Amino acid sequence: MDQSVVIKAQLLNIDDETAQAFSNTMCKYRDACNFISQYIFEHAFELKQSKLNKALYHDLRDKFELKSQMAQSAIKTVIARYKTVKTQLFQHPFRYDTGKKDGKGRGIWAQIYRDLTWLWQPINFKRPQLDLQRGRDWSYLSTANQLSLNTLNGRRKVDFVCKGFDQYLDQTKWKFGSLKMLQLRGKWYIHLSATTAIPEFEAEQAVHVVGIDRGLRFLAACYDEKGKSILFSGQKILRKRRKYKKLRAELQAKGTKSAKRRLKKIGQRENRWMSDVNHRLTKTLIDHYGSNTIYALEDLTDVRFATEKSPKDQRYEIVSWAFYQFEQFLTYKANLNSSAVVKVPAKYTSQRCPKCGRIHKDNRDHELHLYTCDKCGYKSNDDRLAAMNIQFLGTLYRSGEEAPQFNKQASVE
């Protein structure tokens, strides 16, 4: 199988002439993407590369002065963005109350799956950007440790630094792909995709099986096959997030232009901080458990984090932590370390007693964060208990069961 990573690097020693060439090319490319987006919106969301190329190629060359490969890349960029939005719309259907009641007097809700026709306007590309293809638009000069980047004003050779990503520059192991150029606060950056072939992981070869319950009180509660637990506290993280939340509320109340600029910077800073936390946490897990490990995670797809019973000042934290990003980081790091991440159903993982198998919702005390089995008397922290049940499902997966899950009816019997 192939595993891809994104190398992030900063471009160095950019003179005024080179900076102007980069800026001019990125703005023209951005304008071309908006032109393509408008066409797609007005033509029944046509997303076939061949048809868009036939309709728009010459306009992209003449109106925006894009080079041949850049014109093709612009079309691909817009298609990829529309496909992403299409997936996001489908994953979040429109839900509405039918006005009817079920046998228990509860409201019956229905849903309509959304597609691109729900968009009111074309997707807009605000930020200048540039996508370059390996070979045609950019190349890596390994002897000089430089990048050769194509612009509308000719090729530019630039120095770069990529702290923490140097191991991915070995062209004997990694195959480079497309490159995206960005500018942030007067500095120039690139995001470069790199791919390597890794052997398929066989579940039977796993030496360790680790169950991981994600949350906020503990960012990760881990339980392994030896019965050992590791809990990564999230209290410090919560305090910092509440600090950001309070600062945003104060700036929003002001409503001035400077406050809005400050809000944007704070949002970017908080996102970078969250990414750093998830990177460090997943790296710690990979280093601790080593290779040949199965990391079992709850499948949180379509899981709704209910906030109605939570204090109002805590609802933001409950629904906005980057759990999916944690999963992505752990997955690619596990793949590169001869390990794998498997997702198991979240149902009953916090309600099941790992000792006797009893499933009973009321056994969990949310305020005390304690699970007490009313059948066998077993007690445990509720986050640790969830990790134990997730680990058990991971063990079933290693033994050959393709879709392990808990059955409440079976637990009653």
Protein backbone atom coordinates (compact mmCIF):
# COMPACT_ATOMS: atom_id res chain seq x y z
CA MET A 1 0.00 0.00 0.00
CA ASP A 2 1.03 3.63 -0.45
CA GLN A 3 1.32 6.12 2.40
CA SER A 4 1.39 9.85 1.74
CA VAL A 5 2.62 12.70 3.91
CA VAL A 6 2.65 16.46 3.44
CA ILE A 7 6.04 18.13 3.82
CA LYS A 8 5.74 21.70 5.10
CA ALA A 9 8.65 24.00 4.37
CA GLN A 10 9.50 27.69 4.47
CA LEU A 11 11.18 29.36 1.51
CA LEU A 12 14.25 31.42 2.41
CA ASN A 13 16.14 34.41 1.00
CA ILE A 14 13.32 35.61 -1.25
CA ASP A 15 14.32 38.85 -2.98
CA ASP A 16 11.82 41.49 -4.14
CA GLU A 17 11.85 40.36 -7.78
CA THR A 18 11.16 36.73 -6.83
CA ALA A 19 8.47 37.76 -4.33
CA GLN A 20 6.73 39.82 -7.02
CA ALA A 21 6.86 36.87 -9.44
CA PHE A 22 5.36 34.55 -6.82
CA SER A 23 2.64 37.05 -5.87
CA ASN A 24 1.65 37.78 -9.47
CA THR A 25 1.43 34.08 -10.36
CA MET A 26 -0.57 33.19 -7.25
CA CYS A 27 -3.10 35.98 -7.80
CA LYS A 28 -3.59 35.02 -11.46
CA TYR A 29 -4.00 31.38 -10.43
CA ARG A 30 -6.56 32.33 -7.76
CA ASP A 31 -8.55 34.41 -10.25
CA ALA A 32 -8.49 31.50 -12.71
CA CYS A 33 -9.86 29.15 -10.02
CA ASN A 34 -12.76 31.53 -9.37
CA PHE A 35 -13.43 31.71 -13.11
CA ILE A 36 -13.59 27.92 -13.30
CA SER A 37 -15.76 27.75 -10.18
CA GLN A 38 -18.28 30.17 -11.70
CA TYR A 39 -18.46 28.04 -14.86
CA ILE A 40 -19.04 24.85 -12.87
CA PHE A 41 -21.78 26.52 -10.84
CA GLU A 42 -23.55 27.74 -13.98
CA HIS A 43 -23.24 24.43 -15.88
CA ALA A 44 -24.98 21.89 -13.64
CA PHE A 45 -21.83 21.26 -11.57
CA GLU A 46 -19.91 19.58 -14.36
CA LEU A 47 -16.81 18.01 -12.74
CA LYS A 48 -15.28 16.00 -15.59
CA GLN A 49 -11.72 17.14 -16.26
CA SER A 50 -11.93 16.47 -20.01
CA LYS A 51 -15.10 18.53 -20.53
CA LEU A 52 -13.88 21.43 -18.40
CA ASN A 53 -10.54 21.39 -20.19
CA LYS A 54 -12.27 21.55 -23.59
CA ALA A 55 -14.50 24.44 -22.50
CA LEU A 56 -12.04 26.54 -20.49
CA TYR A 57 -8.44 25.76 -21.48
CA HIS A 58 -7.99 28.55 -24.04
CA ASP A 59 -9.70 31.12 -21.81
CA LEU A 60 -7.38 30.22 -18.95
CA ARG A 61 -4.35 30.67 -21.22
CA ASP A 62 -5.57 33.94 -22.81
CA LYS A 63 -7.36 35.74 -19.95
CA PHE A 64 -5.09 34.75 -17.07
CA GLU A 65 -1.84 34.08 -18.97
CA LEU A 66 -1.46 30.70 -17.26
CA LYS A 67 1.04 28.25 -18.68
CA SER A 68 -0.24 24.97 -20.04
CA GLN A 69 0.31 22.83 -16.94
CA MET A 70 -0.91 25.60 -14.62
CA ALA A 71 -4.18 25.74 -16.53
CA GLN A 72 -4.64 22.00 -16.03
CA SER A 73 -3.71 22.29 -12.35
CA ALA A 74 -6.24 25.09 -11.80
CA ILE A 75 -9.02 22.90 -13.17
CA LYS A 76 -7.94 20.01 -10.93
CA THR A 77 -7.81 22.31 -7.90
CA VAL A 78 -11.39 23.49 -8.39
CA ILE A 79 -12.70 19.98 -9.10
CA ALA A 80 -11.07 18.71 -5.90
CA ARG A 81 -12.65 21.54 -3.86
CA TYR A 82 -16.13 20.85 -5.26
CA LYS A 83 -15.76 17.12 -4.57
CA THR A 84 -14.76 17.87 -0.99
CA VAL A 85 -17.79 20.11 -0.49
CA LYS A 86 -19.99 17.46 -2.11
CA THR A 87 -18.81 14.89 0.43
CA GLN A 88 -19.29 17.30 3.32
CA LEU A 89 -22.84 18.11 2.24
CA PHE A 90 -23.72 14.42 1.99
CA GLN A 91 -22.26 13.69 5.41
CA HIS A 92 -24.41 16.42 6.99
CA PRO A 93 -27.99 15.90 5.75
CA PHE A 94 -30.74 18.40 6.40
CA ARG A 95 -32.82 17.22 9.36
CA TYR A 96 -36.34 18.43 10.12
CA ASP A 97 -39.19 17.64 12.49
CA THR A 98 -42.07 15.92 10.68
CA GLY A 99 -44.53 17.03 13.35
CA LYS A 100 -45.44 13.40 14.05
CA LYS A 101 -44.94 11.42 17.26
CA ASP A 102 -43.82 7.84 17.81
CA GLY A 103 -45.37 5.34 20.23
CA LYS A 104 -43.48 6.91 23.17
CA GLY A 105 -44.55 10.45 22.33
CA ARG A 106 -41.18 11.49 20.93
CA GLY A 107 -40.90 13.64 17.84
CA ILE A 108 -40.15 11.86 14.56
CA TRP A 109 -37.38 13.49 12.57
CA ALA A 110 -36.61 12.97 8.90
CA GLN A 111 -33.57 13.90 6.83
CA ILE A 112 -32.76 14.86 3.27
CA TYR A 113 -29.31 14.11 1.87
CA ARG A 114 -27.80 17.22 0.32
CA ASP A 115 -25.78 17.60 -2.86
CA LEU A 116 -24.10 20.47 -4.73
CA THR A 117 -27.46 21.86 -5.88
CA TRP A 118 -27.90 23.12 -2.30
CA LEU A 119 -25.14 25.70 -2.90
CA TRP A 120 -26.44 29.24 -3.30
CA GLN A 121 -23.32 30.58 -4.95
CA PRO A 122 -20.07 29.32 -6.47
CA ILE A 123 -17.24 28.23 -4.20
CA ASN A 124 -14.99 31.24 -3.77
CA PHE A 125 -11.18 31.12 -3.65
CA LYS A 126 -10.16 34.11 -1.54
CA ARG A 127 -6.56 33.38 -0.67
CA PRO A 128 -3.88 33.58 -3.41
CA GLN A 129 -2.38 30.15 -3.98
CA LEU A 130 -0.52 28.13 -6.57
CA ASP A 131 -0.42 24.40 -7.31
CA LEU A 132 2.63 23.16 -9.19
CA GLN A 133 3.17 19.72 -10.75
CA ARG A 134 6.42 17.81 -10.28
CA GLY A 135 8.60 17.84 -13.37
CA ARG A 136 6.59 20.39 -15.35
CA ASP A 137 6.38 23.19 -12.78
CA TRP A 138 8.86 22.38 -10.03
CA SER A 139 11.85 20.21 -9.24
CA TYR A 140 14.08 19.42 -6.25
CA LEU A 141 17.77 20.17 -6.70
CA SER A 142 19.18 17.76 -4.12
CA THR A 143 22.84 18.70 -4.62
CA ALA A 144 22.17 22.37 -3.83
CA ASN A 145 19.21 21.60 -1.52
CA GLN A 146 17.07 24.06 -3.48
CA LEU A 147 13.69 24.12 -5.19
CA SER A 148 13.20 25.24 -8.77
CA LEU A 149 9.71 26.79 -9.00
CA ASN A 150 7.94 27.91 -12.15
CA THR A 151 6.16 31.29 -12.31
CA LEU A 152 4.59 33.40 -15.05
CA ASN A 153 7.90 35.29 -15.06
CA GLY A 154 10.13 32.24 -15.45
CA ARG A 155 11.81 29.73 -13.15
CA ARG A 156 13.08 30.71 -9.69
CA LYS A 157 15.60 28.77 -7.62
CA VAL A 158 15.10 29.21 -3.88
CA ASP A 159 16.47 27.87 -0.61
CA PHE A 160 14.15 26.24 1.89
CA VAL A 161 14.02 24.70 5.37
CA CYS A 162 11.64 21.98 6.58
CA LYS A 163 12.24 21.27 10.26
CA GLY A 164 11.03 17.82 11.25
CA PHE A 165 10.46 16.72 7.63
CA ASP A 166 14.05 16.16 6.45
CA GLN A 167 13.65 12.35 6.53
CA TYR A 168 11.06 12.62 3.74
CA LEU A 169 13.48 14.27 1.28
CA ASP A 170 15.21 10.97 0.44
CA GLN A 171 14.17 10.45 -3.19
CA THR A 172 15.21 6.78 -3.08
CA LYS A 173 12.39 6.11 -0.60
CA TRP A 174 9.86 8.86 -1.30
CA LYS A 175 8.15 9.92 -4.52
CA PHE A 176 7.29 13.61 -4.71
CA GLY A 177 3.95 14.85 -6.03
CA SER A 178 2.30 18.23 -6.40
CA LEU A 179 3.39 21.35 -4.52
CA LYS A 180 1.18 24.10 -3.11
CA MET A 181 2.63 27.56 -2.48
CA LEU A 182 1.20 29.89 0.17
CA GLN A 183 2.05 33.23 1.74
CA LEU A 184 1.45 33.97 5.41
CA ARG A 185 2.38 37.18 7.24
CA GLY A 186 4.96 38.15 4.65
CA LYS A 187 6.66 34.73 4.58
CA TRP A 188 6.51 32.11 1.84
CA TYR A 189 5.67 28.46 2.46
CA ILE A 190 5.12 25.28 0.46
CA HIS A 191 3.14 22.11 1.13
CA LEU A 192 4.67 19.21 -0.77
CA SER A 193 3.09 15.76 -1.04
CA ALA A 194 5.38 12.73 -0.80
CA THR A 195 4.42 9.05 -1.16
CA THR A 196 6.18 5.81 -0.26
CA ALA A 197 5.25 2.15 -0.64
CA ILE A 198 4.81 0.21 2.61
CA PRO A 199 3.89 -3.45 3.12
CA GLU A 200 0.29 -4.32 3.91
CA PHE A 201 -0.27 -4.76 7.66
CA GLU A 202 -1.64 -8.16 8.64
CA ALA A 203 -3.75 -8.18 11.81
CA GLU A 204 -2.33 -11.55 12.83
CA GLN A 205 1.18 -10.10 13.11
CA ALA A 206 0.14 -7.60 15.79
CA VAL A 207 2.01 -7.93 19.07
CA HIS A 208 0.05 -5.22 20.90
CA VAL A 209 -3.62 -4.23 20.84
CA VAL A 210 -4.39 -0.82 22.33
CA GLY A 211 -7.86 0.58 22.92
CA ILE A 212 -8.08 4.40 22.86
CA ASP A 213 -11.05 6.39 24.11
CA ARG A 214 -10.96 10.02 22.99
CA GLY A 215 -12.47 12.79 25.06
CA LEU A 216 -11.90 16.13 26.76
CA ARG A 217 -11.43 15.23 30.42
CA PHE A 218 -8.77 12.84 29.12
CA LEU A 219 -7.63 13.55 25.57
CA ALA A 220 -6.81 9.86 25.28
CA ALA A 221 -7.50 7.01 27.70
CA CYS A 222 -5.45 3.98 26.60
CA TYR A 223 -5.66 0.32 27.65
CA ASP A 224 -3.43 -2.45 26.28
CA GLU A 225 -3.39 -6.26 26.20
CA LYS A 226 -1.28 -6.38 29.39
CA GLY A 227 -3.99 -4.63 31.39
CA LYS A 228 -2.00 -1.40 31.69
CA SER A 229 -3.68 1.99 31.35
CA ILE A 230 -2.36 5.42 30.32
CA LEU A 231 -4.53 8.51 30.76
CA PHE A 232 -3.55 11.78 29.06
CA SER A 233 -5.21 14.60 31.00
CA GLY A 234 -7.04 17.27 29.02
CA GLN A 235 -7.60 19.75 31.85
CA LYS A 236 -4.74 22.04 30.82
CA ILE A 237 -6.03 21.94 27.26
CA LEU A 238 -9.55 22.86 28.38
CA ARG A 239 -8.30 25.85 30.36
CA LYS A 240 -6.42 27.19 27.36
CA ARG A 241 -9.40 26.70 25.04
CA ARG A 242 -11.64 28.59 27.45
CA LYS A 243 -9.09 31.38 27.47
CA TYR A 244 -9.29 31.59 23.66
CA LYS A 245 -13.09 31.46 23.83
CA LYS A 246 -13.24 34.35 26.32
CA LEU A 247 -10.84 36.45 24.25
CA ARG A 248 -12.90 35.83 21.09
CA ALA A 249 -16.09 36.89 22.89
CA GLU A 250 -14.46 40.14 24.02
CA LEU A 251 -13.22 40.95 20.51
CA GLN A 252 -16.58 40.07 18.92
CA ALA A 253 -18.28 42.46 21.34
CA LYS A 254 -16.02 45.28 20.17
CA GLY A 255 -16.75 44.69 16.48
CA THR A 256 -14.03 47.07 15.23
CA LYS A 257 -11.86 46.36 12.19
CA SER A 258 -8.79 45.84 14.34
CA ALA A 259 -10.77 43.44 16.54
CA LYS A 260 -11.81 41.42 13.48
CA ARG A 261 -8.20 41.21 12.30
CA ARG A 262 -7.21 40.07 15.77
CA LEU A 263 -9.99 37.45 15.72
CA LYS A 264 -8.65 35.97 12.51
CA LYS A 265 -5.13 35.71 13.92
CA ILE A 266 -6.41 34.09 17.13
CA GLY A 267 -8.36 31.48 15.15
CA GLN A 268 -5.28 30.57 13.12
CA ARG A 269 -3.14 30.43 16.25
CA GLU A 270 -5.62 28.16 18.05
CA ASN A 271 -5.78 25.80 15.06
CA ARG A 272 -1.98 25.55 14.92
CA TRP A 273 -1.88 24.89 18.65
CA MET A 274 -4.52 22.12 18.41
CA SER A 275 -2.59 20.50 15.55
CA ASP A 276 0.60 20.62 17.62
CA VAL A 277 -1.15 18.96 20.60
CA ASN A 278 -2.49 16.16 18.39
CA HIS A 279 0.90 15.68 16.72
CA ARG A 280 2.75 15.40 20.03
CA LEU A 281 0.13 13.11 21.56
CA THR A 282 0.04 10.69 18.62
CA LYS A 283 3.86 10.64 18.44
CA THR A 284 3.99 9.76 22.15
CA LEU A 285 1.62 6.84 21.58
CA ILE A 286 3.62 5.52 18.59
CA ASP A 287 6.91 5.78 20.50
CA HIS A 288 5.45 4.12 23.62
CA TYR A 289 3.80 1.07 22.04
CA GLY A 290 6.25 0.54 19.18
CA SER A 291 5.72 -1.37 15.94
CA ASN A 292 3.27 -4.22 15.19
CA THR A 293 0.49 -2.56 17.18
CA ILE A 294 -3.23 -2.33 16.49
CA TYR A 295 -4.71 0.94 17.73
CA ALA A 296 -8.49 0.52 18.12
CA LEU A 297 -10.52 3.75 18.02
CA GLU A 298 -14.24 4.40 18.29
CA ASP A 299 -15.83 5.09 14.92
CA LEU A 300 -17.26 8.58 15.53
CA THR A 301 -18.78 8.90 12.04
CA ASP A 302 -22.32 10.31 12.38
CA VAL A 303 -21.95 10.35 16.18
CA ARG A 304 -23.59 13.43 17.64
CA PHE A 305 -22.11 14.97 20.78
CA ALA A 306 -25.24 15.83 22.80
CA THR A 307 -24.84 19.15 24.61
CA GLU A 308 -28.35 19.73 25.92
CA LYS A 309 -27.47 18.40 29.38
CA SER A 310 -24.05 20.03 29.48
CA PRO A 311 -23.40 23.43 31.09
CA LYS A 312 -23.75 26.18 28.51
CA ASP A 313 -20.20 27.42 29.06
CA GLN A 314 -18.79 23.95 28.24
CA ARG A 315 -20.67 23.16 25.04
CA TYR A 316 -18.11 24.79 22.74
CA GLU A 317 -15.30 22.58 24.06
CA ILE A 318 -17.40 19.42 23.68
CA VAL A 319 -18.14 19.81 19.99
CA SER A 320 -15.06 21.59 18.64
CA TRP A 321 -12.00 19.53 19.54
CA ALA A 322 -10.23 18.02 16.53
CA PHE A 323 -10.90 14.31 17.19
CA TYR A 324 -10.82 13.47 13.48
CA GLN A 325 -7.44 15.15 13.10
CA PHE A 326 -6.10 13.00 15.96
CA GLU A 327 -7.31 9.94 14.05
CA GLN A 328 -5.62 11.09 10.82
CA PHE A 329 -2.30 11.78 12.53
CA LEU A 330 -2.31 8.47 14.39
CA THR A 331 -3.23 6.56 11.22
CA TYR A 332 -0.38 7.78 9.04
CA LYS A 333 2.18 7.51 11.84
CA ALA A 334 1.03 3.97 12.62
CA ASN A 335 1.27 2.98 8.94
CA LEU A 336 4.84 4.23 8.78
CA ASN A 337 5.66 2.26 11.94
CA SER A 338 4.40 -1.17 10.79
CA SER A 339 1.17 -0.75 12.73
CA ALA A 340 -2.47 -0.01 11.95
CA VAL A 341 -5.50 1.92 13.20
CA VAL A 342 -8.88 0.16 13.15
CA LYS A 343 -12.24 1.75 13.90
CA VAL A 344 -14.82 -0.13 15.96
CA PRO A 345 -18.46 0.74 16.73
CA ALA A 346 -18.84 3.23 19.58
CA LYS A 347 -22.14 1.73 20.67
CA TYR A 348 -22.20 0.46 24.29
CA THR A 349 -18.45 0.98 24.86
CA SER A 350 -19.24 3.23 27.85
CA GLN A 351 -22.12 1.07 29.12
CA ARG A 352 -20.63 -2.43 29.11
CA CYS A 353 -18.92 -4.09 32.07
CA PRO A 354 -15.62 -5.58 30.80
CA LYS A 355 -15.70 -8.27 33.48
CA CYS A 356 -19.18 -9.83 33.14
CA GLY A 357 -20.38 -8.29 29.85
CA ARG A 358 -23.45 -6.64 31.39
CA ILE A 359 -24.67 -3.61 29.36
CA HIS A 360 -26.67 -1.12 31.39
CA LYS A 361 -26.77 2.62 30.78
CA ASP A 362 -27.47 3.61 34.40
CA ASN A 363 -24.30 1.93 35.66
CA ARG A 364 -22.34 4.99 34.57
CA ASP A 365 -22.24 8.03 36.86
CA HIS A 366 -21.38 11.01 34.63
CA GLU A 367 -20.77 13.40 37.53
CA LEU A 368 -18.34 11.11 39.36
CA HIS A 369 -16.92 9.68 36.10
CA LEU A 370 -17.38 6.26 37.64
CA TYR A 371 -18.81 3.01 36.27
CA THR A 372 -20.24 0.54 38.80
CA CYS A 373 -21.66 -2.75 37.52
CA ASP A 374 -24.98 -3.61 39.18
CA LYS A 375 -24.41 -7.29 38.42
CA CYS A 376 -20.84 -8.13 39.49
CA GLY A 377 -19.89 -4.95 41.37
CA TYR A 378 -16.90 -4.06 39.18
CA LYS A 379 -15.85 -0.39 39.41
CA SER A 380 -13.67 1.71 37.15
CA ASN A 381 -13.16 5.20 35.79
CA ASP A 382 -15.65 5.56 32.91
CA ASP A 383 -13.04 6.70 30.36
CA ARG A 384 -10.73 3.81 31.27
CA LEU A 385 -13.67 1.42 31.04
CA ALA A 386 -14.48 2.64 27.50
CA ALA A 387 -10.83 2.07 26.50
CA MET A 388 -11.04 -1.48 27.92
CA ASN A 389 -14.10 -2.28 25.82
CA ILE A 390 -12.56 -0.72 22.70
CA GLN A 391 -9.41 -2.80 23.30
CA PHE A 392 -11.55 -5.95 23.55
CA LEU A 393 -13.13 -5.19 20.16
CA GLY A 394 -9.63 -4.62 18.77
CA THR A 395 -8.59 -8.04 20.09
CA LEU A 396 -11.57 -9.62 18.31
CA TYR A 397 -10.47 -7.88 15.11
CA ARG A 398 -6.94 -9.28 15.47
CA SER A 399 -8.36 -12.78 15.91
CA GLY A 400 -10.09 -12.53 12.53
CA GLU A 401 -13.52 -11.05 13.24
CA GLU A 402 -14.10 -8.47 10.50
CA ALA A 403 -16.76 -6.31 12.20
CA PRO A 404 -16.66 -6.85 15.98
CA GLN A 405 -19.40 -5.15 17.96
CA PHE A 406 -21.33 -5.43 21.22
CA ASN A 407 -24.89 -6.77 21.29
CA LYS A 408 -27.14 -5.65 24.13
CA GLN A 409 -29.54 -8.54 23.63
CA ALA A 410 -26.69 -11.03 23.93
CA SER A 411 -25.52 -9.39 27.17
CA VAL A 412 -29.00 -9.78 28.69
CA GLU A 413 -29.11 -13.44 27.79
